[in-house]
């Protein structure tokens, strides 16, 4: 029984990798979007290249698991989560994502309580093969207060 438990633990640890991320910049045009949380760690499965600080390779038509540990500094009843492709023309939203973040973390959000947001991201075969800077935002829709925001890199492959 111990052997089975140890094997399952190791399999989970091998597939999930801590990835490099940066906090979203605060713009002068949107000072209300200043971060109200601390993002502690972002993990993506699969991401074999994370140890080399390279973008996570995700095959089109497959899924990737994203896990974010964060501590909000404000409380809120609901939480919206969305991914955006960061590019020179502006942030383009990721199509087909379930934006009800309370389905993937505990709500209501309590200030000062560390929690984990876990999302299974399905990547369509229609998305172009290339590297992307992605911005992940979690916020309270009713007050439009940004809870968390970070940017990381992925690379879609065939």
N, C-alpha and C. Protein backbone atom coordinates (compact mmCIF):
# COMPACT_ATOMS: atom_id res chain seq x y z
N UNK A 1 0.82 -1.19 0.00
CA UNK A 1 0.00 0.00 0.00
C UNK A 1 0.87 1.26 0.00
N UNK A 2 1.95 1.25 0.79
CA UNK A 2 2.87 2.39 0.83
C UNK A 2 3.51 2.62 -0.53
N UNK A 3 3.85 1.52 -1.20
CA UNK A 3 4.50 1.61 -2.50
C UNK A 3 3.57 2.27 -3.52
N UNK A 4 2.29 1.89 -3.53
CA UNK A 4 1.32 2.47 -4.44
C UNK A 4 1.16 3.96 -4.16
N UNK A 5 1.05 4.33 -2.91
CA UNK A 5 0.92 5.74 -2.54
C UNK A 5 2.13 6.56 -2.96
N UNK A 6 3.31 6.01 -2.75
CA UNK A 6 4.54 6.70 -3.13
C UNK A 6 4.63 6.86 -4.65
N UNK A 7 4.24 5.84 -5.39
CA UNK A 7 4.27 5.91 -6.86
C UNK A 7 3.31 6.99 -7.37
N UNK A 8 2.10 7.06 -6.81
CA UNK A 8 1.14 8.07 -7.23
C UNK A 8 1.65 9.47 -6.91
N UNK A 9 2.26 9.64 -5.76
CA UNK A 9 2.82 10.93 -5.36
C UNK A 9 3.93 11.36 -6.32
N UNK A 10 4.81 10.44 -6.66
CA UNK A 10 5.91 10.74 -7.57
C UNK A 10 5.41 11.06 -8.98
N UNK A 11 4.41 10.33 -9.46
CA UNK A 11 3.85 10.62 -10.78
C UNK A 11 3.26 12.01 -10.84
N UNK A 12 2.57 12.44 -9.79
CA UNK A 12 2.02 13.78 -9.74
C UNK A 12 3.11 14.83 -9.71
N UNK A 13 4.17 14.58 -8.98
CA UNK A 13 5.27 15.55 -8.86
C UNK A 13 6.06 15.65 -10.14
N UNK A 14 6.23 14.55 -10.88
CA UNK A 14 7.01 14.56 -12.11
C UNK A 14 6.31 15.36 -13.20
N UNK A 15 4.99 15.24 -13.33
CA UNK A 15 4.26 15.88 -14.40
C UNK A 15 4.02 17.36 -14.19
N UNK A 16 3.92 17.79 -12.96
CA UNK A 16 3.60 19.17 -12.65
C UNK A 16 4.88 19.95 -12.38
N UNK A 17 5.06 21.05 -13.09
CA UNK A 17 6.27 21.84 -12.95
C UNK A 17 5.94 23.27 -12.58
N UNK A 18 6.73 23.81 -11.67
CA UNK A 18 6.61 25.22 -11.32
C UNK A 18 7.18 26.01 -12.48
N UNK A 19 6.42 26.99 -12.96
CA UNK A 19 6.84 27.78 -14.11
C UNK A 19 7.18 29.21 -13.69
N UNK A 20 7.98 29.85 -14.52
CA UNK A 20 8.33 31.24 -14.31
C UNK A 20 7.15 32.11 -14.72
N UNK A 21 6.85 33.12 -13.92
CA UNK A 21 5.78 34.05 -14.24
C UNK A 21 6.19 35.44 -13.76
N UNK A 22 5.46 36.43 -14.23
CA UNK A 22 5.66 37.79 -13.74
C UNK A 22 4.29 38.38 -13.42
N UNK A 23 4.25 39.28 -12.47
CA UNK A 23 3.00 39.97 -12.16
C UNK A 23 2.66 40.90 -13.31
N UNK A 24 1.37 41.10 -13.55
CA UNK A 24 0.94 42.01 -14.62
C UNK A 24 1.33 43.44 -14.27
N UNK A 25 1.74 44.19 -15.27
CA UNK A 25 2.06 45.59 -15.01
C UNK A 25 0.80 46.39 -14.72
N UNK A 26 0.92 47.41 -13.88
CA UNK A 26 -0.20 48.30 -13.57
C UNK A 26 -0.06 49.50 -14.50
N UNK A 27 -1.15 49.80 -15.23
CA UNK A 27 -1.08 50.92 -16.17
C UNK A 27 -1.62 52.19 -15.55
N UNK A 28 -1.16 53.33 -16.05
CA UNK A 28 -1.67 54.62 -15.59
C UNK A 28 -3.13 54.81 -15.99
N UNK A 29 -3.54 54.17 -17.11
CA UNK A 29 -4.92 54.29 -17.59
C UNK A 29 -5.89 53.50 -16.72
N UNK A 30 -5.41 52.45 -16.06
CA UNK A 30 -6.29 51.60 -15.26
C UNK A 30 -5.70 51.37 -13.86
N UNK A 31 -5.57 52.44 -13.05
CA UNK A 31 -4.99 52.25 -11.71
C UNK A 31 -5.85 51.38 -10.81
N UNK A 32 -7.14 51.24 -11.11
CA UNK A 32 -8.02 50.38 -10.30
C UNK A 32 -7.64 48.91 -10.44
N UNK A 33 -6.84 48.60 -11.45
CA UNK A 33 -6.45 47.21 -11.68
C UNK A 33 -5.16 46.84 -10.97
N UNK A 34 -4.77 47.64 -9.98
CA UNK A 34 -3.59 47.29 -9.19
C UNK A 34 -3.86 45.96 -8.49
N UNK A 35 -2.86 45.09 -8.40
CA UNK A 35 -3.10 43.77 -7.82
C UNK A 35 -3.50 43.82 -6.36
N UNK A 36 -4.47 42.98 -6.02
CA UNK A 36 -4.94 42.85 -4.65
C UNK A 36 -4.68 41.44 -4.15
N UNK A 37 -3.59 40.85 -4.59
CA UNK A 37 -3.24 39.52 -4.14
C UNK A 37 -1.77 39.27 -4.39
N UNK A 38 -1.30 38.20 -3.80
CA UNK A 38 0.06 37.74 -4.04
C UNK A 38 -0.04 36.38 -4.72
N UNK A 39 0.59 36.26 -5.89
CA UNK A 39 0.68 34.96 -6.56
C UNK A 39 1.97 34.33 -6.07
N UNK A 40 1.84 33.18 -5.41
CA UNK A 40 3.00 32.50 -4.84
C UNK A 40 3.68 31.57 -5.83
N UNK A 41 2.86 30.79 -6.56
CA UNK A 41 3.43 29.78 -7.43
C UNK A 41 2.43 29.43 -8.52
N UNK A 42 2.96 29.16 -9.72
CA UNK A 42 2.16 28.72 -10.85
C UNK A 42 2.76 27.41 -11.34
N UNK A 43 1.91 26.39 -11.50
CA UNK A 43 2.34 25.08 -11.97
C UNK A 43 1.54 24.72 -13.21
N UNK A 44 2.21 24.14 -14.21
CA UNK A 44 1.55 23.69 -15.43
C UNK A 44 1.96 22.25 -15.68
N UNK A 45 0.96 21.43 -16.02
CA UNK A 45 1.19 20.03 -16.35
C UNK A 45 0.57 19.77 -17.73
N UNK A 46 1.28 19.33 -18.71
CA UNK A 46 2.69 18.98 -18.71
C UNK A 46 3.56 20.22 -18.96
N UNK A 47 4.77 20.18 -18.47
CA UNK A 47 5.73 21.26 -18.74
C UNK A 47 7.14 20.77 -18.44
N UNK A 48 7.64 19.90 -19.31
CA UNK A 48 8.96 19.33 -19.12
C UNK A 48 10.07 20.38 -19.24
N UNK A 49 9.80 21.50 -19.92
CA UNK A 49 10.84 22.51 -20.15
C UNK A 49 10.90 23.57 -19.06
N UNK A 50 10.09 23.48 -18.03
CA UNK A 50 10.05 24.51 -16.99
C UNK A 50 11.39 24.63 -16.27
N UNK A 51 12.08 23.52 -16.06
CA UNK A 51 13.36 23.58 -15.35
C UNK A 51 14.42 24.34 -16.13
N UNK A 52 14.22 24.45 -17.45
CA UNK A 52 15.15 25.19 -18.30
C UNK A 52 14.65 26.61 -18.58
N UNK A 53 13.59 27.02 -17.88
CA UNK A 53 12.99 28.35 -18.01
C UNK A 53 12.50 28.61 -19.44
N UNK A 54 12.01 27.56 -20.11
CA UNK A 54 11.45 27.67 -21.46
C UNK A 54 9.93 27.61 -21.36
N UNK A 55 9.22 28.11 -22.39
CA UNK A 55 7.76 28.02 -22.38
C UNK A 55 7.29 26.57 -22.33
N UNK A 56 6.17 26.35 -21.66
CA UNK A 56 5.59 25.01 -21.60
C UNK A 56 5.04 24.65 -22.97
N UNK A 57 5.40 23.46 -23.46
CA UNK A 57 4.90 22.98 -24.74
C UNK A 57 3.59 22.25 -24.48
N UNK A 58 2.55 22.71 -25.18
CA UNK A 58 1.23 22.10 -25.06
C UNK A 58 0.77 21.72 -26.46
N UNK A 59 0.41 20.47 -26.65
CA UNK A 59 -0.05 20.01 -27.96
C UNK A 59 -1.47 20.48 -28.20
N UNK A 60 -1.70 20.97 -29.41
CA UNK A 60 -3.06 21.36 -29.79
C UNK A 60 -3.95 20.12 -29.75
N UNK A 61 -5.19 20.31 -29.33
CA UNK A 61 -6.11 19.20 -29.21
C UNK A 61 -5.99 18.46 -27.89
N UNK A 62 -5.09 18.90 -27.04
CA UNK A 62 -4.89 18.29 -25.72
C UNK A 62 -5.25 19.29 -24.63
N UNK A 63 -5.10 18.86 -23.40
CA UNK A 63 -5.37 19.71 -22.25
C UNK A 63 -4.10 19.90 -21.43
N UNK A 64 -4.08 20.98 -20.69
CA UNK A 64 -3.01 21.25 -19.74
C UNK A 64 -3.67 21.64 -18.42
N UNK A 65 -3.06 21.24 -17.35
CA UNK A 65 -3.55 21.58 -16.02
C UNK A 65 -2.76 22.77 -15.50
N UNK A 66 -3.47 23.82 -15.08
CA UNK A 66 -2.85 25.02 -14.53
C UNK A 66 -3.28 25.11 -13.07
N UNK A 67 -2.31 25.30 -12.20
CA UNK A 67 -2.58 25.41 -10.76
C UNK A 67 -1.87 26.65 -10.23
N UNK A 68 -2.60 27.52 -9.54
CA UNK A 68 -2.07 28.79 -9.06
C UNK A 68 -2.32 28.90 -7.56
N UNK A 69 -1.26 29.11 -6.78
CA UNK A 69 -1.39 29.37 -5.35
C UNK A 69 -1.35 30.88 -5.16
N UNK A 70 -2.37 31.43 -4.51
CA UNK A 70 -2.45 32.88 -4.33
C UNK A 70 -3.08 33.23 -2.98
N UNK A 71 -2.79 34.44 -2.53
CA UNK A 71 -3.39 34.98 -1.31
C UNK A 71 -3.96 36.35 -1.64
N UNK A 72 -5.30 36.50 -1.62
CA UNK A 72 -5.91 37.81 -1.89
C UNK A 72 -5.79 38.73 -0.67
N UNK A 73 -5.73 40.03 -0.92
CA UNK A 73 -5.70 41.01 0.17
C UNK A 73 -7.07 41.62 0.37
N UNK A 74 -8.04 41.28 -0.49
CA UNK A 74 -9.43 41.74 -0.35
C UNK A 74 -10.34 40.53 -0.42
N UNK A 75 -11.50 40.64 0.21
CA UNK A 75 -12.50 39.56 0.19
C UNK A 75 -13.51 39.82 -0.92
N UNK A 76 -14.18 38.78 -1.36
CA UNK A 76 -15.21 38.93 -2.39
C UNK A 76 -16.06 37.68 -2.49
N UNK A 77 -17.30 37.85 -2.95
CA UNK A 77 -18.22 36.73 -3.06
C UNK A 77 -17.93 35.86 -4.27
N UNK A 78 -17.80 36.48 -5.42
CA UNK A 78 -17.58 35.74 -6.66
C UNK A 78 -16.20 36.01 -7.21
N UNK A 79 -15.84 35.21 -8.20
CA UNK A 79 -14.53 35.37 -8.81
C UNK A 79 -14.62 34.95 -10.27
N UNK A 80 -14.09 35.79 -11.15
CA UNK A 80 -14.04 35.51 -12.58
C UNK A 80 -12.59 35.24 -12.95
N UNK A 81 -12.37 34.25 -13.81
CA UNK A 81 -11.03 33.93 -14.27
C UNK A 81 -10.99 33.88 -15.79
N UNK A 82 -10.04 34.56 -16.39
CA UNK A 82 -9.91 34.54 -17.84
C UNK A 82 -8.44 34.58 -18.24
N UNK A 83 -8.18 33.99 -19.41
CA UNK A 83 -6.85 34.01 -20.00
C UNK A 83 -6.89 34.91 -21.23
N UNK A 84 -5.80 35.65 -21.42
CA UNK A 84 -5.68 36.53 -22.58
C UNK A 84 -4.34 36.28 -23.25
N UNK A 85 -4.33 36.41 -24.57
CA UNK A 85 -3.08 36.40 -25.33
C UNK A 85 -2.59 37.83 -25.36
N UNK A 86 -1.41 38.07 -24.82
CA UNK A 86 -0.83 39.40 -24.77
C UNK A 86 -0.09 39.65 -26.08
N UNK A 87 -0.50 40.69 -26.81
CA UNK A 87 0.19 41.05 -28.05
C UNK A 87 0.19 42.56 -28.21
N UNK A 88 0.81 43.05 -29.26
CA UNK A 88 0.99 44.49 -29.46
C UNK A 88 -0.32 45.22 -29.70
N UNK A 89 -1.34 44.54 -30.20
CA UNK A 89 -2.62 45.19 -30.47
C UNK A 89 -3.54 45.19 -29.27
N UNK A 90 -3.16 44.55 -28.20
CA UNK A 90 -4.00 44.47 -27.01
C UNK A 90 -4.17 43.03 -26.57
N UNK A 91 -4.84 42.85 -25.46
CA UNK A 91 -5.07 41.50 -24.93
C UNK A 91 -6.29 40.87 -25.59
N UNK A 92 -6.09 39.70 -26.19
CA UNK A 92 -7.19 38.97 -26.83
C UNK A 92 -7.62 37.83 -25.92
N UNK A 93 -8.92 37.73 -25.60
CA UNK A 93 -9.38 36.66 -24.70
C UNK A 93 -9.30 35.28 -25.33
N UNK A 94 -9.02 34.29 -24.49
CA UNK A 94 -8.97 32.89 -24.87
C UNK A 94 -10.41 32.41 -25.04
N UNK A 95 -10.75 31.87 -26.21
CA UNK A 95 -12.12 31.46 -26.52
C UNK A 95 -12.43 30.10 -25.90
N UNK A 96 -13.63 29.96 -25.34
CA UNK A 96 -14.10 28.67 -24.85
C UNK A 96 -13.76 28.36 -23.41
N UNK A 97 -13.27 29.33 -22.66
CA UNK A 97 -12.87 29.09 -21.27
C UNK A 97 -14.05 29.28 -20.32
N UNK A 98 -14.18 28.43 -19.34
CA UNK A 98 -15.17 28.61 -18.28
C UNK A 98 -14.64 29.69 -17.34
N UNK A 99 -15.29 30.84 -17.31
CA UNK A 99 -14.78 31.98 -16.54
C UNK A 99 -15.28 32.02 -15.09
N UNK A 100 -16.10 31.06 -14.68
CA UNK A 100 -16.57 31.01 -13.29
C UNK A 100 -15.46 30.41 -12.43
N UNK A 101 -14.59 31.27 -11.92
CA UNK A 101 -13.42 30.80 -11.16
C UNK A 101 -13.81 30.10 -9.86
N UNK A 102 -15.01 30.38 -9.35
CA UNK A 102 -15.46 29.71 -8.12
C UNK A 102 -15.65 28.21 -8.33
N UNK A 103 -15.74 27.78 -9.59
CA UNK A 103 -15.81 26.35 -9.90
C UNK A 103 -14.45 25.68 -9.74
N UNK A 104 -13.38 26.49 -9.62
CA UNK A 104 -12.02 25.95 -9.60
C UNK A 104 -11.22 26.35 -8.37
N UNK A 105 -11.86 27.07 -7.46
CA UNK A 105 -11.25 27.45 -6.19
C UNK A 105 -12.38 27.66 -5.18
N UNK A 106 -12.04 27.95 -3.95
CA UNK A 106 -13.04 28.15 -2.90
C UNK A 106 -13.56 29.58 -2.93
N UNK A 107 -14.87 29.73 -2.92
CA UNK A 107 -15.51 31.03 -2.81
C UNK A 107 -16.47 30.97 -1.64
N UNK A 108 -16.73 32.06 -0.93
CA UNK A 108 -16.22 33.41 -1.19
C UNK A 108 -14.72 33.50 -0.88
N UNK A 109 -14.09 34.46 -1.55
CA UNK A 109 -12.66 34.71 -1.36
C UNK A 109 -12.48 35.46 -0.05
N UNK A 110 -11.57 34.99 0.79
CA UNK A 110 -11.30 35.63 2.07
C UNK A 110 -9.91 36.25 2.07
N UNK A 111 -9.86 37.54 2.40
CA UNK A 111 -8.57 38.24 2.46
C UNK A 111 -7.62 37.53 3.42
N UNK A 112 -6.38 37.36 3.00
CA UNK A 112 -5.36 36.76 3.84
C UNK A 112 -5.33 35.24 3.84
N UNK A 113 -6.30 34.58 3.20
CA UNK A 113 -6.32 33.12 3.14
C UNK A 113 -5.68 32.63 1.84
N UNK A 114 -4.59 31.88 1.98
CA UNK A 114 -3.92 31.30 0.80
C UNK A 114 -4.81 30.20 0.24
N UNK A 115 -4.97 30.20 -1.07
CA UNK A 115 -5.77 29.17 -1.70
C UNK A 115 -5.21 28.83 -3.07
N UNK A 116 -5.78 27.78 -3.67
CA UNK A 116 -5.30 27.29 -4.95
C UNK A 116 -6.44 27.31 -5.95
N UNK A 117 -6.12 27.80 -7.14
CA UNK A 117 -7.04 27.81 -8.28
C UNK A 117 -6.50 26.76 -9.26
N UNK A 118 -7.33 25.77 -9.61
CA UNK A 118 -6.90 24.69 -10.49
C UNK A 118 -7.83 24.63 -11.69
N UNK A 119 -7.24 24.74 -12.88
CA UNK A 119 -8.03 24.78 -14.11
C UNK A 119 -7.47 23.81 -15.14
N UNK A 120 -8.37 23.10 -15.80
CA UNK A 120 -8.00 22.20 -16.89
C UNK A 120 -8.24 22.94 -18.20
N UNK A 121 -7.17 23.34 -18.86
CA UNK A 121 -7.23 24.16 -20.07
C UNK A 121 -7.23 23.26 -21.31
N UNK A 122 -8.31 23.31 -22.08
CA UNK A 122 -8.39 22.56 -23.34
C UNK A 122 -7.90 23.46 -24.46
N UNK A 123 -6.97 22.96 -25.25
CA UNK A 123 -6.38 23.74 -26.33
C UNK A 123 -6.90 23.21 -27.67
N UNK A 124 -7.62 24.05 -28.38
CA UNK A 124 -8.21 23.66 -29.66
C UNK A 124 -7.14 23.40 -30.71
N UNK A 125 -7.43 22.47 -31.62
CA UNK A 125 -6.52 22.20 -32.74
C UNK A 125 -6.50 23.37 -33.72
N UNK A 126 -7.45 24.29 -33.59
CA UNK A 126 -7.55 25.43 -34.50
C UNK A 126 -6.56 26.54 -34.15
N UNK A 127 -6.02 26.53 -32.93
CA UNK A 127 -5.08 27.58 -32.54
C UNK A 127 -3.77 27.41 -33.30
N UNK A 128 -3.18 28.51 -33.76
CA UNK A 128 -1.92 28.42 -34.49
C UNK A 128 -0.77 27.90 -33.62
N UNK A 129 0.12 27.15 -34.25
CA UNK A 129 1.33 26.66 -33.60
C UNK A 129 2.28 27.84 -33.46
N UNK A 130 2.64 28.18 -32.23
CA UNK A 130 3.55 29.29 -31.95
C UNK A 130 3.69 29.48 -30.45
N UNK A 131 4.58 30.37 -30.05
CA UNK A 131 4.75 30.72 -28.64
C UNK A 131 3.80 31.88 -28.30
N UNK A 132 3.28 31.86 -27.09
CA UNK A 132 2.35 32.89 -26.64
C UNK A 132 2.75 33.38 -25.25
N UNK A 133 2.62 34.68 -25.04
CA UNK A 133 2.62 35.23 -23.69
C UNK A 133 1.16 35.24 -23.28
N UNK A 134 0.85 34.55 -22.18
CA UNK A 134 -0.55 34.54 -21.74
C UNK A 134 -0.68 35.27 -20.40
N UNK A 135 -1.75 36.01 -20.30
CA UNK A 135 -2.08 36.74 -19.08
C UNK A 135 -3.28 36.05 -18.45
N UNK A 136 -3.16 35.72 -17.18
CA UNK A 136 -4.24 35.07 -16.46
C UNK A 136 -4.72 36.05 -15.40
N UNK A 137 -6.03 36.38 -15.47
CA UNK A 137 -6.61 37.34 -14.52
C UNK A 137 -7.70 36.66 -13.70
N UNK A 138 -7.72 36.94 -12.41
CA UNK A 138 -8.78 36.53 -11.50
C UNK A 138 -9.30 37.80 -10.83
N UNK A 139 -10.60 38.07 -10.94
CA UNK A 139 -11.14 39.27 -10.33
C UNK A 139 -12.59 39.09 -9.92
N UNK A 140 -13.05 40.01 -9.06
CA UNK A 140 -14.42 40.03 -8.60
C UNK A 140 -15.23 40.83 -9.60
N UNK A 141 -16.12 40.17 -10.31
CA UNK A 141 -16.89 40.79 -11.40
C UNK A 141 -17.78 41.93 -10.90
N UNK A 142 -18.37 41.80 -9.72
CA UNK A 142 -19.32 42.81 -9.25
C UNK A 142 -18.65 44.13 -8.87
N UNK A 143 -17.45 44.07 -8.31
CA UNK A 143 -16.77 45.31 -7.93
C UNK A 143 -15.68 45.68 -8.94
N UNK A 144 -15.43 44.79 -9.91
CA UNK A 144 -14.38 44.99 -10.92
C UNK A 144 -13.02 45.26 -10.29
N UNK A 145 -12.80 44.70 -9.11
CA UNK A 145 -11.50 44.80 -8.44
C UNK A 145 -10.67 43.60 -8.88
N UNK A 146 -9.52 43.87 -9.44
CA UNK A 146 -8.64 42.80 -9.86
C UNK A 146 -8.06 42.10 -8.64
N UNK A 147 -8.26 40.81 -8.58
CA UNK A 147 -7.72 40.04 -7.46
C UNK A 147 -6.27 39.65 -7.74
N UNK A 148 -6.04 38.99 -8.88
CA UNK A 148 -4.72 38.47 -9.22
C UNK A 148 -4.50 38.57 -10.72
N UNK A 149 -3.26 38.76 -11.10
CA UNK A 149 -2.93 38.80 -12.51
C UNK A 149 -1.46 38.44 -12.68
N UNK A 150 -1.19 37.49 -13.60
CA UNK A 150 0.19 37.14 -13.88
C UNK A 150 0.32 36.79 -15.36
N UNK A 151 1.56 36.83 -15.85
CA UNK A 151 1.86 36.52 -17.24
C UNK A 151 2.90 35.40 -17.25
N UNK A 152 2.67 34.41 -18.12
CA UNK A 152 3.63 33.34 -18.32
C UNK A 152 3.67 33.00 -19.80
N UNK A 153 4.54 32.09 -20.19
CA UNK A 153 4.71 31.74 -21.59
C UNK A 153 4.33 30.27 -21.82
N UNK A 154 3.67 30.05 -22.97
CA UNK A 154 3.39 28.68 -23.43
C UNK A 154 3.76 28.59 -24.90
N UNK A 155 3.92 27.39 -25.39
CA UNK A 155 4.18 27.17 -26.81
C UNK A 155 3.27 26.05 -27.29
N UNK A 156 2.39 26.37 -28.24
CA UNK A 156 1.51 25.36 -28.80
C UNK A 156 2.24 24.62 -29.91
N UNK A 157 2.10 23.30 -29.88
CA UNK A 157 2.78 22.44 -30.86
C UNK A 157 1.76 21.54 -31.55
N UNK A 158 2.21 20.92 -32.66
CA UNK A 158 1.33 19.97 -33.39
C UNK A 158 1.24 18.67 -32.65
